Amino acid sequence: MIFKKNNFTRAILYLKNNGFRMFLAKILERFNLIDPYKLWIKKFEPDKNTLKKQKSFKFSYSPKISIVVSTFNTQKNTLLNVLNSVTSQTYSNWQLCIADRPNREIIKLLKTYLSKDKRITVKFFKENPGIVYNLNRALKLADGDYIAFLDQFDTLAPFALYEIVKAINQNPDADFIYPDEDKISKNGRKRFEPHFKPDFSPDLLRSYNYIGNLIVVKKQLIDKVGIFREGYEAFHDYDFILRCVEKAKKIIHIPKVLYHKRFVNKFLDENKKLYAHENGKNALSDHLSRVGLKGKVENLGFLGFYKINYEISNYQKISIIIPNKDHKDDLKKCIESILKSTYNNYEIIIAENNTTDKSTLEYYEYLQKTYDFIKIIRWSKSKEFNYSEINNFAVSYASGDILLFLNNDIEIINNNWMEEMLMFIQRDDVGAVGAKLLYPDNTIQHAGVIIGLGGAADHSHRYFPAQSNGYFMRLKVVQNVSAVTGACLMTKKSVFNEVGGFDERYQIVFNDIDFCLKIRQMGYLIVFTPFAKAYHFEFKTRGRDDTFEKQQKFKKEKDLFTKNWRKILDSKDPYYNVNLTLQRFDFSVNI
C-alpha cells in the first residue's frame, strides 16, 4: 500500500493540488527510489570548477577565521576528518586551534599536520578535565577577526569559510553567523537529514538550540560575553549561544549546508541525562534572568527541548470576539468549550451577522440571560460576509486590553489555552499569538503561516498527524512565525489600533495574514504556541469557496495580497527557508 488506511482521499487531494509530476515524485520518494536531498545537492552545491574559482577569488575584506575545535578523548579517524575538512577549504585565511591531552597516536597525527601547515595551532597539556576546559584553552590560541566553533564529530563543507566570508562582506556589521547543516554517515559516504533552519527566531531558540554546532562569532563579541562557562557541560554551547545573541548587533543566517554532523550513537546513562537536563534548563533560566523575563523552564521529555511557562504578571481582561451567522450548533460547541477555561477574566462578544435561523436567535437570548459577560452585537451594514469589517466593528465594543479573535467553528481542547497565549502577548516584543488547530480527524489544520506557500501564504504542516513532531520538532515547540490564522488569534488592543485593525478590502481571505505582516512591520514578533490547542471545523463561518462568485472573490483578494506584499513575497519568509518547497506543506526540499 502506498498510502495508509483512510488516507486515499488525502492522496487524491495531493494529486489535485500538486499535479501528477509532484504526485509521482512523492511515490518514488516513499519507496526510496529517489533521494530528493541527493538531487538537491547535485543541483545547488558548487561543482569542482566552482570550487576552483573560489580558491582564486579575492574578497574586498578577507578576515582571518580562527576555527576552534571542541576536543575531548578524540579518536584518530574523527580528528582526521576534521583536519581534512579544514585544510580543504577554498578560503585560505584561516587558523585551526586545538587544545587537548591526546594519546601518542593523536600527537603523531597532529605533529604531521603541523609540519605541513603553519595555520594549525595546537596546545598539548597533561591534564584533561573536560571539554569546556579544552575549548577555553583552544579559544586562547585564536587570534582571528572571527572565531568559528566546530564540534569534533563534525566536518566543514569545502566552501564553508568562503560562504561565511562572503556573508561578512555583504553584512559588515554581522557579529554572529550560523548556517544550515545535515548529517553524514559514519563512513562519510551518505549525507541525509538536512536541517534547513529559519533566520533568527528567539522563541525557537528558547525552545531548543536550533542554531547548532557551527557558529561564527566576531572577536569583539566574544570579548563582551566571555568564554564557555563551567557547570553547563553538555549544554555549554547552548549557554554560550544564548549569551552571544543577547549582545549581538546583527545575527546572520546563511541558508546553505556548510557543515555535516557525523552520525554517531552517543548514549547517556540516566544519571548523566538528568545532569544534562538540568544544565540545559539552568542555561535557559539564566538567559531569561539576563533579558528581564520571568518564567519557569520545563523539560519537554526530549533532551535539550524546553517549554517556558512565563509568569503572567497581570491577569488582564480578554475580549473574545466571535463572528456568527446562524450555525447555532457550532457556536454552542464553541461557547461551551470556552466556558471550561481555567482563565476567568474574559468577556465574549458575538458579532451577529444577519442570522435568519430561529434556533440561533433563541440561543442568543439564552446566552444573554444566563451570562453577564457575553454580549451579542449586531452588524447589519451588509448582508455580504466581510470578516474584516465585522471584527473591526466588534473591537469597538471590547472592554478588554487583550483581544482574542475566534471563529465560531472552533472547539477548545485544553482548558488553560488562554493562559498559554496570554503569557506571550504580555511580552513587550510580541504583537500576536496563534494556536495549534486540528481538523476533526486529528490532523494539523494550522501551526503557523508560511509566506509564499502556494503562491501567497498558507498553513505550516497542514494534514500532518496531530501527534507528529513535525519538521525538526516544529509541531512540539514554541516558535516565531510570519503570521498566524485569525481563526484563533490573540493580540493587544493597543497593537490592533497601532496597525489600523483589519484591512476591510480583504473580505474573506488574507485579512489575518495582512494584519500579522503589518504587526511585523512595526517590529513586533508573532508567536505560534502548540500548547494552546483547538479543533477547527473549517469553513463553517463563511462556507466553502465552491461557487464561481466566491472563487472570483478569493482570486481578487489573493491578487491584492500578492500586490501589496510583493516585496515580502520576493524576499522569502524569514521563519521558513529558501531550500524548502513552497508547493507543499511537508517541508520537503525544494528541487
Protein backbone atom coordinates (compact mmCIF):
# COMPACT_ATOMS: atom_id res chain seq x y z
CA MET A 1 0.00 0.00 0.00
CA ILE A 2 1.35 3.42 -0.97
CA PHE A 3 -0.95 5.27 1.38
CA LYS A 4 -2.06 4.24 4.83
CA LYS A 5 -5.62 3.21 5.51
CA ASN A 6 -8.11 6.10 5.35
CA ASN A 7 -5.56 8.28 3.52
CA PHE A 8 -6.85 7.64 -0.01
CA THR A 9 -8.81 10.92 -0.04
CA ARG A 10 -5.71 12.80 1.05
CA ALA A 11 -3.71 11.18 -1.76
CA ILE A 12 -6.29 12.34 -4.31
CA LEU A 13 -6.21 15.83 -2.78
CA TYR A 14 -2.40 15.84 -3.01
CA LEU A 15 -2.62 14.86 -6.69
CA LYS A 16 -5.19 17.59 -7.35
CA ASN A 17 -3.24 20.31 -5.53
CA ASN A 18 0.27 19.43 -6.72
CA GLY A 19 -0.12 17.81 -10.13
CA PHE A 20 0.92 14.42 -11.47
CA ARG A 21 4.66 15.20 -11.58
CA MET A 22 4.86 16.01 -7.87
CA PHE A 23 2.50 13.14 -7.03
CA LEU A 24 4.78 10.70 -8.86
CA ALA A 25 7.86 12.17 -7.17
CA LYS A 26 6.20 11.64 -3.79
CA ILE A 27 5.52 7.98 -4.58
CA LEU A 28 9.12 7.43 -5.75
CA GLU A 29 10.37 9.11 -2.59
CA ARG A 30 8.09 6.94 -0.46
CA PHE A 31 9.64 3.78 -1.92
CA ASN A 32 13.18 5.20 -1.64
CA LEU A 33 13.54 5.05 -5.43
CA ILE A 34 14.84 8.62 -5.44
CA ASP A 35 16.61 10.68 -2.80
CA PRO A 36 15.37 14.29 -3.11
CA TYR A 37 18.24 15.58 -0.97
CA LYS A 38 20.80 13.91 -3.22
CA LEU A 39 19.19 15.70 -6.17
CA TRP A 40 19.26 18.96 -4.24
CA ILE A 41 22.99 18.59 -3.51
CA LYS A 42 23.73 17.98 -7.18
CA LYS A 43 21.62 20.95 -8.25
CA PHE A 44 22.63 23.61 -5.72
CA GLU A 45 26.08 22.86 -4.29
CA PRO A 46 29.23 24.04 -6.12
CA ASP A 47 30.94 21.65 -8.52
CA LYS A 48 34.72 21.20 -8.90
CA ASN A 49 35.06 24.11 -11.33
CA THR A 50 33.21 26.46 -8.98
CA LEU A 51 35.35 25.35 -6.04
CA LYS A 52 38.46 26.03 -8.11
CA LYS A 53 37.24 29.56 -8.88
CA GLN A 54 36.52 30.16 -5.19
CA LYS A 55 40.17 29.44 -4.36
CA SER A 56 41.37 32.31 -6.54
CA PHE A 57 38.58 34.75 -5.64
CA LYS A 58 39.68 37.92 -3.84
CA PHE A 59 37.27 39.46 -1.33
CA SER A 60 37.45 43.19 -0.61
CA TYR A 61 37.70 42.17 3.05
CA SER A 62 39.46 38.90 3.90
CA PRO A 63 39.15 38.41 7.67
CA LYS A 64 41.10 35.74 9.45
CA ILE A 65 38.79 32.99 10.68
CA SER A 66 40.04 31.06 13.69
CA ILE A 67 38.41 27.62 13.89
CA VAL A 68 38.22 26.35 17.46
CA VAL A 69 37.56 22.61 17.66
CA SER A 70 35.99 21.13 20.77
CA THR A 71 38.03 18.02 21.56
CA PHE A 72 37.81 15.50 24.38
CA ASN A 73 39.16 11.94 24.20
CA THR A 74 39.22 12.36 20.42
CA GLN A 75 39.66 9.32 18.17
CA LYS A 76 42.21 9.40 15.33
CA ASN A 77 39.70 8.98 12.47
CA THR A 78 37.43 11.63 13.97
CA LEU A 79 40.24 14.17 14.18
CA LEU A 80 41.50 13.21 10.72
CA ASN A 81 38.08 14.05 9.25
CA VAL A 82 38.14 17.47 10.93
CA LEU A 83 41.71 18.23 9.79
CA ASN A 84 41.00 17.25 6.20
CA SER A 85 37.79 19.29 6.05
CA VAL A 86 39.58 22.41 7.31
CA THR A 87 42.68 22.09 5.13
CA SER A 88 40.44 21.55 2.08
CA GLN A 89 38.75 24.95 2.41
CA THR A 90 38.58 27.14 -0.70
CA TYR A 91 39.12 30.21 1.51
CA SER A 92 42.68 30.29 2.80
CA ASN A 93 42.90 32.89 5.57
CA TRP A 94 42.12 30.62 8.50
CA GLN A 95 43.66 29.31 11.70
CA LEU A 96 42.83 25.95 13.29
CA CYS A 97 43.03 25.87 17.10
CA ILE A 98 43.11 22.62 19.08
CA ALA A 99 43.88 22.13 22.77
CA ASP A 100 43.79 18.63 24.27
CA ARG A 101 45.57 15.94 26.25
CA PRO A 102 45.91 13.49 23.37
CA ASN A 103 47.39 10.00 23.25
CA ARG A 104 50.58 9.23 21.34
CA GLU A 105 48.72 8.37 18.14
CA ILE A 106 46.92 11.74 18.13
CA ILE A 107 50.13 13.62 18.96
CA LYS A 108 51.87 11.98 15.99
CA LEU A 109 48.97 12.86 13.67
CA LEU A 110 48.85 16.48 14.80
CA LYS A 111 52.61 16.93 14.50
CA THR A 112 52.43 15.62 10.94
CA TYR A 113 49.83 18.24 10.03
CA LEU A 114 51.66 20.95 11.97
CA SER A 115 54.78 20.36 9.89
CA LYS A 116 52.77 20.76 6.68
CA ASP A 117 50.56 23.74 7.57
CA LYS A 118 51.56 26.62 9.82
CA ARG A 119 47.92 27.73 10.07
CA ILE A 120 47.31 24.91 12.54
CA THR A 121 47.89 25.80 16.20
CA VAL A 122 47.94 23.09 18.87
CA LYS A 123 48.39 23.16 22.62
CA PHE A 124 49.17 19.89 24.43
CA PHE A 125 48.76 19.59 28.17
CA LYS A 126 48.91 16.82 30.75
CA GLU A 127 45.53 17.16 32.42
CA ASN A 128 42.19 16.64 30.68
CA PRO A 129 39.42 17.88 33.00
CA GLY A 130 36.75 18.14 30.31
CA ILE A 131 35.53 19.58 27.05
CA VAL A 132 34.77 23.07 28.41
CA TYR A 133 38.30 23.40 29.77
CA ASN A 134 39.74 22.24 26.43
CA LEU A 135 37.52 24.64 24.47
CA ASN A 136 38.60 27.62 26.52
CA ARG A 137 42.26 26.62 26.17
CA ALA A 138 41.82 26.40 22.39
CA LEU A 139 39.99 29.74 22.36
CA LYS A 140 43.03 31.40 23.95
CA LEU A 141 45.08 30.30 20.93
CA ALA A 142 42.75 32.07 18.48
CA ASP A 143 43.94 35.37 17.01
CA GLY A 144 41.42 35.73 14.17
CA ASP A 145 38.94 38.50 13.45
CA TYR A 146 36.12 35.96 13.71
CA ILE A 147 36.04 32.74 15.71
CA ALA A 148 34.29 29.66 14.29
CA PHE A 149 33.40 26.83 16.67
CA LEU A 150 33.33 23.28 15.33
CA ASP A 151 32.43 20.07 17.15
CA GLN A 152 34.98 17.24 16.96
CA PHE A 153 32.42 14.95 15.29
CA ASP A 154 31.54 17.47 12.56
CA THR A 155 33.20 18.38 9.28
CA LEU A 156 33.09 21.52 7.17
CA ALA A 157 31.88 21.64 3.59
CA PRO A 158 34.87 22.70 1.40
CA PHE A 159 33.14 26.00 0.60
CA ALA A 160 32.09 26.76 4.21
CA LEU A 161 34.58 29.53 5.01
CA TYR A 162 34.15 31.05 1.54
CA GLU A 163 30.40 31.43 2.14
CA ILE A 164 30.97 32.77 5.64
CA VAL A 165 33.41 35.43 4.43
CA LYS A 166 31.03 36.25 1.56
CA ALA A 167 28.27 36.85 4.14
CA ILE A 168 30.61 39.02 6.22
CA ASN A 169 31.41 41.15 3.17
CA GLN A 170 27.70 41.54 2.43
CA ASN A 171 26.94 42.31 6.10
CA PRO A 172 29.97 44.12 7.58
CA ASP A 173 28.18 44.66 10.90
CA ALA A 174 27.40 40.94 11.34
CA ASP A 175 28.85 39.62 14.57
CA PHE A 176 27.06 36.26 14.90
CA ILE A 177 26.64 33.87 11.96
CA TYR A 178 25.17 30.38 11.64
CA PRO A 179 24.49 28.15 8.60
CA ASP A 180 22.32 25.16 7.73
CA GLU A 181 23.55 21.62 8.35
CA ASP A 182 22.98 17.96 7.59
CA LYS A 183 24.07 14.58 8.90
CA ILE A 184 26.72 12.35 7.39
CA SER A 185 27.09 8.60 7.83
CA LYS A 186 29.95 7.18 9.88
CA ASN A 187 31.82 6.18 6.73
CA GLY A 188 31.22 9.63 5.21
CA ARG A 189 29.50 8.29 2.10
CA LYS A 190 25.91 9.36 2.67
CA ARG A 191 24.50 12.74 3.60
CA PHE A 192 20.98 12.91 4.96
CA GLU A 193 18.50 14.80 7.18
CA PRO A 194 19.32 18.35 6.08
CA HIS A 195 18.28 20.93 8.65
CA PHE A 196 17.23 23.99 6.70
CA LYS A 197 16.85 26.50 9.50
CA PRO A 198 14.90 29.74 9.86
CA ASP A 199 16.54 33.11 10.27
CA PHE A 200 16.99 34.18 13.86
CA SER A 201 13.95 33.09 15.87
CA PRO A 202 14.33 33.98 19.57
CA ASP A 203 11.38 31.90 20.72
CA LEU A 204 12.53 28.84 18.77
CA LEU A 205 16.00 29.22 20.31
CA ARG A 206 14.37 29.30 23.75
CA SER A 207 12.70 26.00 22.85
CA TYR A 208 15.90 24.26 21.73
CA ASN A 209 19.29 25.00 20.23
CA TYR A 210 18.22 25.03 16.59
CA ILE A 211 21.28 27.14 15.69
CA GLY A 212 23.50 24.08 16.05
CA ASN A 213 27.21 23.39 16.42
CA LEU A 214 28.87 25.62 13.82
CA ILE A 215 28.72 29.27 14.80
CA VAL A 216 30.96 32.14 13.73
CA VAL A 217 31.36 34.97 16.24
CA LYS A 218 33.18 38.27 15.89
CA LYS A 219 36.12 38.51 18.30
CA GLN A 220 34.78 41.75 19.83
CA LEU A 221 31.52 39.99 20.72
CA ILE A 222 33.38 37.16 22.46
CA ASP A 223 35.32 39.77 24.43
CA LYS A 224 31.96 41.08 25.67
CA VAL A 225 30.25 37.78 26.55
CA GLY A 226 33.26 35.87 27.86
CA ILE A 227 34.40 32.27 27.48
CA PHE A 228 32.49 28.99 27.88
CA ARG A 229 31.23 28.56 31.42
CA GLU A 230 31.94 25.58 33.64
CA GLY A 231 28.89 23.91 35.16
CA TYR A 232 26.90 23.72 31.91
CA GLU A 233 28.53 20.60 30.46
CA ALA A 234 26.61 19.08 27.52
CA PHE A 235 24.89 22.47 27.15
CA HIS A 236 27.90 24.78 27.39
CA ASP A 237 27.41 25.63 23.70
CA TYR A 238 23.73 26.48 24.25
CA ASP A 239 24.66 28.73 27.17
CA PHE A 240 27.33 30.42 25.05
CA ILE A 241 24.96 30.96 22.10
CA LEU A 242 22.29 32.48 24.35
CA ARG A 243 24.84 34.91 25.80
CA CYS A 244 26.06 35.82 22.32
CA VAL A 245 22.64 36.54 20.77
CA GLU A 246 21.72 38.72 23.74
CA LYS A 247 24.51 41.15 22.85
CA ALA A 248 24.88 40.61 19.10
CA LYS A 249 24.36 43.66 16.89
CA LYS A 250 23.45 41.65 13.80
CA ILE A 251 22.70 37.93 13.54
CA ILE A 252 23.10 36.40 10.09
CA HIS A 253 21.78 33.03 8.93
CA ILE A 254 23.38 31.52 5.82
CA PRO A 255 20.80 29.23 4.14
CA LYS A 256 23.43 26.80 2.87
CA VAL A 257 24.62 23.47 4.27
CA LEU A 258 28.11 24.38 5.46
CA TYR A 259 28.81 21.52 7.85
CA HIS A 260 27.99 17.88 8.34
CA LYS A 261 27.23 16.29 11.71
CA ARG A 262 28.79 12.86 12.00
CA PHE A 263 26.09 10.30 12.75
CA VAL A 264 27.32 8.72 15.98
CA ASN A 265 25.40 6.99 18.74
CA LYS A 266 26.07 8.96 21.91
CA PHE A 267 24.06 7.34 24.66
CA LEU A 268 23.90 8.87 28.11
CA ASP A 269 23.09 6.86 31.20
CA GLU A 270 20.11 8.03 33.25
CA ASN A 271 22.22 9.96 35.79
CA LYS A 272 24.05 11.84 33.04
CA LYS A 273 20.76 12.55 31.26
CA LEU A 274 19.33 14.09 34.42
CA TYR A 275 22.53 16.11 34.87
CA ALA A 276 22.42 17.30 31.25
CA HIS A 277 18.70 18.18 31.51
CA GLU A 278 19.42 20.39 34.50
CA ASN A 279 22.38 22.10 32.81
CA GLY A 280 20.24 22.98 29.79
CA LYS A 281 17.43 24.27 31.99
CA ASN A 282 19.88 26.35 34.01
CA ALA A 283 21.40 27.88 30.86
CA LEU A 284 17.93 28.90 29.66
CA SER A 285 16.84 30.16 33.10
CA ASP A 286 19.98 32.30 33.30
CA HIS A 287 19.17 33.74 29.87
CA LEU A 288 15.65 34.70 30.96
CA SER A 289 17.03 36.48 34.01
CA ARG A 290 19.56 38.40 31.95
CA VAL A 291 16.93 39.66 29.47
CA GLY A 292 14.41 40.53 32.18
CA LEU A 293 11.82 37.81 31.51
CA LYS A 294 10.20 35.89 34.35
CA GLY A 295 9.33 32.26 33.75
CA LYS A 296 9.95 28.67 34.79
CA VAL A 297 11.73 26.35 32.37
CA GLU A 298 10.22 22.90 31.92
CA ASN A 299 11.75 19.91 30.10
CA LEU A 300 9.64 18.58 27.25
CA GLY A 301 10.74 14.97 27.64
CA PHE A 302 13.30 15.18 24.84
CA LEU A 303 16.85 16.04 25.88
CA GLY A 304 17.51 19.67 25.00
CA PHE A 305 13.88 20.69 24.33
CA TYR A 306 12.08 23.11 26.62
CA LYS A 307 8.83 24.89 27.40
CA ILE A 308 8.94 28.19 29.23
CA ASN A 309 5.98 28.94 31.46
CA TYR A 310 6.19 32.72 31.51
CA GLU A 311 4.86 34.47 34.57
CA ILE A 312 1.53 36.16 33.87
CA SER A 313 2.15 39.49 35.53
CA ASN A 314 -1.29 40.97 35.06
CA TYR A 315 -4.45 38.92 34.64
CA GLN A 316 -5.84 41.34 32.08
CA LYS A 317 -9.34 41.14 30.71
CA ILE A 318 -9.53 39.25 27.42
CA SER A 319 -12.24 40.18 24.91
CA ILE A 320 -13.08 37.10 22.83
CA ILE A 321 -14.65 38.15 19.53
CA ILE A 322 -16.67 35.59 17.56
CA PRO A 323 -18.42 36.48 14.27
CA ASN A 324 -21.53 34.37 13.73
CA LYS A 325 -24.41 33.88 11.33
CA ASP A 326 -26.83 31.01 12.00
CA HIS A 327 -24.81 27.81 12.86
CA LYS A 328 -26.26 27.50 16.36
CA ASP A 329 -24.77 24.05 16.98
CA ASP A 330 -21.25 25.13 16.04
CA LEU A 331 -21.48 28.29 18.10
CA LYS A 332 -22.85 26.35 21.08
CA LYS A 333 -19.97 23.88 20.91
CA CYS A 334 -17.52 26.78 20.72
CA ILE A 335 -19.05 28.69 23.65
CA GLU A 336 -19.31 25.60 25.85
CA SER A 337 -15.63 24.80 25.28
CA ILE A 338 -14.68 28.38 26.23
CA LEU A 339 -16.74 28.17 29.43
CA LYS A 340 -14.49 25.31 30.61
CA SER A 341 -11.45 27.62 30.54
CA THR A 342 -9.34 27.96 33.67
CA TYR A 343 -8.82 31.67 32.97
CA ASN A 344 -11.80 33.64 34.21
CA ASN A 345 -11.22 37.31 33.39
CA TYR A 346 -12.78 37.44 29.95
CA GLU A 347 -15.83 38.55 28.02
CA ILE A 348 -17.34 37.03 24.89
CA ILE A 349 -18.56 39.32 22.12
CA ILE A 350 -20.64 37.55 19.49
CA ALA A 351 -20.74 39.67 16.35
CA GLU A 352 -24.11 38.68 14.94
CA ASN A 353 -24.15 38.86 11.15
CA ASN A 354 -27.68 38.71 9.64
CA THR A 355 -28.86 35.49 11.24
CA THR A 356 -32.20 34.16 9.99
CA ASP A 357 -32.21 30.83 11.82
CA LYS A 358 -34.75 30.92 14.68
CA SER A 359 -32.89 28.47 16.93
CA THR A 360 -29.74 30.62 16.73
CA LEU A 361 -31.67 33.74 17.72
CA GLU A 362 -33.17 31.84 20.65
CA TYR A 363 -29.68 30.70 21.68
CA TYR A 364 -28.56 34.35 21.67
CA GLU A 365 -31.36 35.17 24.11
CA TYR A 366 -30.38 32.28 26.35
CA LEU A 367 -26.74 33.38 26.43
CA GLN A 368 -27.59 36.98 27.31
CA LYS A 369 -29.94 35.95 30.10
CA THR A 370 -27.54 33.38 31.55
CA TYR A 371 -24.11 35.03 31.29
CA ASP A 372 -23.47 38.69 32.02
CA PHE A 373 -20.04 38.50 30.34
CA ILE A 374 -21.48 37.53 26.94
CA LYS A 375 -22.59 40.32 24.61
CA ILE A 376 -24.49 39.97 21.36
CA ILE A 377 -23.80 42.86 18.99
CA ARG A 378 -25.47 43.20 15.62
CA TRP A 379 -23.57 44.05 12.45
CA SER A 380 -26.03 44.81 9.67
CA LYS A 381 -24.04 47.06 7.35
CA SER A 382 -24.24 44.46 4.59
CA LYS A 383 -25.68 41.02 4.03
CA GLU A 384 -22.41 40.08 2.42
CA PHE A 385 -19.83 38.46 4.71
CA ASN A 386 -16.84 40.69 5.44
CA TYR A 387 -14.59 39.24 8.13
CA SER A 388 -12.54 42.41 8.49
CA GLU A 389 -15.48 44.80 8.83
CA ILE A 390 -17.27 42.56 11.32
CA ASN A 391 -14.23 42.17 13.58
CA ASN A 392 -13.27 45.84 13.39
CA PHE A 393 -16.86 46.68 14.36
CA ALA A 394 -16.74 44.23 17.28
CA VAL A 395 -13.49 45.67 18.66
CA SER A 396 -15.29 48.96 19.35
CA TYR A 397 -17.40 47.05 21.90
CA ALA A 398 -14.44 45.32 23.57
CA SER A 399 -13.65 46.40 27.13
CA GLY A 400 -10.54 44.23 27.47
CA ASP A 401 -6.95 45.27 26.78
CA ILE A 402 -6.38 41.90 25.13
CA LEU A 403 -8.29 40.84 22.01
CA LEU A 404 -8.83 37.22 21.04
CA PHE A 405 -10.33 36.67 17.59
CA LEU A 406 -12.06 33.31 17.33
CA ASN A 407 -14.06 31.59 14.61
CA ASN A 408 -17.42 30.11 15.57
CA ASP A 409 -16.26 26.71 14.27
CA ILE A 410 -13.56 26.37 16.93
CA GLU A 411 -13.74 23.91 19.82
CA ILE A 412 -11.12 24.41 22.52
CA ILE A 413 -9.16 21.30 23.56
CA ASN A 414 -7.10 22.34 26.60
CA ASN A 415 -8.73 24.41 29.32
CA ASN A 416 -5.63 26.54 30.01
CA TRP A 417 -5.43 27.74 26.40
CA MET A 418 -5.89 31.40 27.27
CA GLU A 419 -3.03 31.38 29.78
CA GLU A 420 -0.82 29.66 27.21
CA MET A 421 -1.42 32.53 24.78
CA LEU A 422 -1.57 35.37 27.31
CA MET A 423 1.90 34.59 28.68
CA PHE A 424 3.34 35.55 25.29
CA ILE A 425 1.15 38.51 24.35
CA GLN A 426 2.06 40.19 27.65
CA ARG A 427 5.66 40.42 26.46
CA ASP A 428 6.50 43.86 25.06
CA ASP A 429 8.14 42.38 21.94
CA VAL A 430 5.16 40.20 20.90
CA GLY A 431 2.34 41.52 18.72
CA ALA A 432 0.22 38.43 18.05
CA VAL A 433 -0.06 34.81 19.18
CA GLY A 434 -1.60 31.86 17.37
CA ALA A 435 -2.66 28.38 18.46
CA LYS A 436 -2.30 24.82 17.19
CA LEU A 437 -5.51 23.95 15.34
CA LEU A 438 -6.61 20.45 14.33
CA TYR A 439 -9.10 19.09 11.85
CA PRO A 440 -11.76 16.75 13.31
CA ASP A 441 -9.72 13.77 12.02
CA ASN A 442 -6.84 14.83 14.31
CA THR A 443 -4.56 16.16 11.62
CA ILE A 444 -2.96 19.60 11.65
CA GLN A 445 -5.01 22.46 10.25
CA HIS A 446 -2.78 25.29 11.48
CA ALA A 447 0.68 25.53 13.02
CA GLY A 448 1.65 28.98 11.84
CA VAL A 449 1.62 30.54 8.38
CA ILE A 450 4.37 30.36 5.76
CA ILE A 451 4.55 33.36 3.45
CA GLY A 452 4.86 32.32 -0.19
CA LEU A 453 3.42 28.84 0.31
CA GLY A 454 1.03 28.09 -2.55
CA GLY A 455 1.91 31.37 -4.25
CA ALA A 456 0.73 33.69 -1.46
CA ALA A 457 0.56 32.17 2.04
CA ASP A 458 -0.72 29.01 3.68
CA HIS A 459 -0.54 26.95 6.84
CA SER A 460 2.55 25.12 8.04
CA HIS A 461 2.38 21.31 8.43
CA ARG A 462 -1.19 21.06 7.13
CA TYR A 463 -2.51 17.44 7.26
CA PHE A 464 0.34 16.18 9.47
CA PRO A 465 -0.89 13.81 12.22
CA ALA A 466 -1.66 15.71 15.42
CA GLN A 467 0.97 13.77 17.39
CA SER A 468 3.70 14.28 14.78
CA ASN A 469 6.87 16.08 15.86
CA GLY A 470 6.90 17.96 12.56
CA TYR A 471 9.97 19.29 10.81
CA PHE A 472 12.74 19.23 13.42
CA MET A 473 10.21 19.29 16.27
CA ARG A 474 8.42 22.39 14.98
CA LEU A 475 4.99 20.97 15.92
CA LYS A 476 6.07 20.46 19.53
CA VAL A 477 7.72 23.76 20.40
CA VAL A 478 7.01 27.48 20.65
CA GLN A 479 8.49 29.47 17.77
CA ASN A 480 8.25 32.68 15.80
CA VAL A 481 6.35 32.73 12.52
CA SER A 482 5.46 35.40 9.98
CA ALA A 483 1.72 35.10 10.59
CA VAL A 484 -0.98 33.09 12.33
CA THR A 485 -4.57 32.41 11.37
CA GLY A 486 -7.35 34.69 12.55
CA ALA A 487 -9.38 31.60 13.47
CA CYS A 488 -7.67 31.83 16.88
CA LEU A 489 -5.51 34.92 17.22
CA MET A 490 -4.63 36.91 20.33
CA THR A 491 -3.28 40.46 20.21
CA LYS A 492 -3.15 43.59 22.33
CA LYS A 493 -5.81 46.21 21.68
CA SER A 494 -3.03 48.80 21.55
CA VAL A 495 -1.27 46.86 18.77
CA PHE A 496 -4.57 46.37 16.92
CA ASN A 497 -5.13 50.13 16.94
CA GLU A 498 -1.50 50.85 16.09
CA VAL A 499 -1.72 48.92 12.80
CA GLY A 500 -5.24 50.14 11.99
CA GLY A 501 -7.09 46.87 12.56
CA PHE A 502 -8.02 44.54 9.73
CA ASP A 503 -7.87 45.89 6.18
CA GLU A 504 -11.52 45.83 5.07
CA ARG A 505 -10.59 45.25 1.44
CA TYR A 506 -9.90 41.66 2.48
CA GLN A 507 -13.46 40.44 2.99
CA ILE A 508 -12.87 36.69 3.24
CA VAL A 509 -9.18 35.75 2.97
CA PHE A 510 -5.69 37.08 3.77
CA ASN A 511 -7.09 39.62 6.25
CA ASP A 512 -5.38 37.84 9.16
CA ILE A 513 -2.07 37.41 7.30
CA ASP A 514 -2.11 41.04 6.16
CA PHE A 515 -2.80 42.02 9.78
CA CYS A 516 0.17 39.97 11.05
CA LEU A 517 2.53 41.34 8.42
CA LYS A 518 1.57 44.87 9.44
CA ILE A 519 2.35 43.91 13.03
CA ARG A 520 5.75 42.58 11.98
CA GLN A 521 6.44 45.80 10.09
CA MET A 522 6.04 47.62 13.39
CA GLY A 523 8.84 45.49 14.85
CA TYR A 524 6.79 43.00 16.87
CA LEU A 525 7.21 39.23 16.91
CA ILE A 526 4.47 36.76 16.01
CA VAL A 527 4.41 33.63 18.19
CA PHE A 528 2.97 30.20 17.48
CA THR A 529 2.40 28.03 20.53
CA PRO A 530 1.46 24.34 20.25
CA PHE A 531 0.34 24.42 23.88
CA ALA A 532 -2.93 26.21 23.07
CA LYS A 533 -4.94 23.64 21.11
CA ALA A 534 -8.34 23.58 19.46
CA TYR A 535 -10.33 21.81 16.79
CA HIS A 536 -11.20 23.89 13.75
CA PHE A 537 -14.20 22.79 11.70
CA GLU A 538 -13.04 24.90 8.77
CA PHE A 539 -15.41 26.87 6.50
CA LYS A 540 -18.31 26.77 8.97
CA THR A 541 -18.20 30.57 9.42
CA ARG A 542 -18.47 31.58 5.78
CA GLY A 543 -18.88 28.31 3.87
CA ARG A 544 -16.60 26.80 1.26
CA ASP A 545 -15.22 28.68 -1.72
CA ASP A 546 -17.13 26.36 -4.04
CA THR A 547 -19.08 28.83 -6.19
CA PHE A 548 -17.80 30.86 -9.12
CA GLU A 549 -18.56 34.09 -7.26
CA LYS A 550 -16.62 33.00 -4.16
CA GLN A 551 -13.71 31.77 -6.24
CA GLN A 552 -13.54 35.09 -8.06
CA LYS A 553 -13.58 36.96 -4.77
CA PHE A 554 -10.81 34.69 -3.45
CA LYS A 555 -8.72 35.39 -6.56
CA LYS A 556 -9.29 39.13 -6.27
CA GLU A 557 -8.18 39.20 -2.64
CA LYS A 558 -5.21 36.92 -3.32
CA ASP A 559 -4.13 39.26 -6.13
CA LEU A 560 -4.47 42.23 -3.78
CA PHE A 561 -2.36 40.46 -1.15
CA THR A 562 0.41 39.49 -3.58
CA LYS A 563 0.47 43.04 -4.97
CA ASN A 564 0.57 44.74 -1.56
CA TRP A 565 3.18 42.38 -0.12
CA ARG A 566 5.26 41.68 -3.23
CA LYS A 567 8.48 42.80 -1.52
CA ILE A 568 7.88 40.37 1.37
CA LEU A 569 6.99 37.55 -1.02
CA ASP A 570 10.12 38.16 -3.08
CA SER A 571 12.39 38.34 -0.03
CA LYS A 572 11.08 34.99 1.29
CA ASP A 573 9.69 34.06 4.70
CA PRO A 574 12.45 34.53 7.33
CA TYR A 575 10.98 31.77 9.50
CA TYR A 576 10.98 29.24 6.68
CA ASN A 577 13.94 28.52 4.36
CA VAL A 578 14.54 29.10 0.65
CA ASN A 579 15.68 25.47 0.31
CA LEU A 580 12.25 24.15 1.33
CA THR A 581 9.37 23.78 -1.10
CA LEU A 582 6.59 26.33 -1.48
CA GLN A 583 4.43 23.82 -3.33
CA ARG A 584 3.59 21.51 -0.43
CA PHE A 585 3.04 21.64 3.33
CA ASP A 586 5.58 18.93 4.22
CA PHE A 587 8.88 20.88 4.48
CA SER A 588 10.40 18.77 1.69
CA VAL A 589 13.47 20.04 -0.15
CA ASN A 590 12.98 22.48 -2.99
CA ILE A 591 14.23 20.78 -6.14
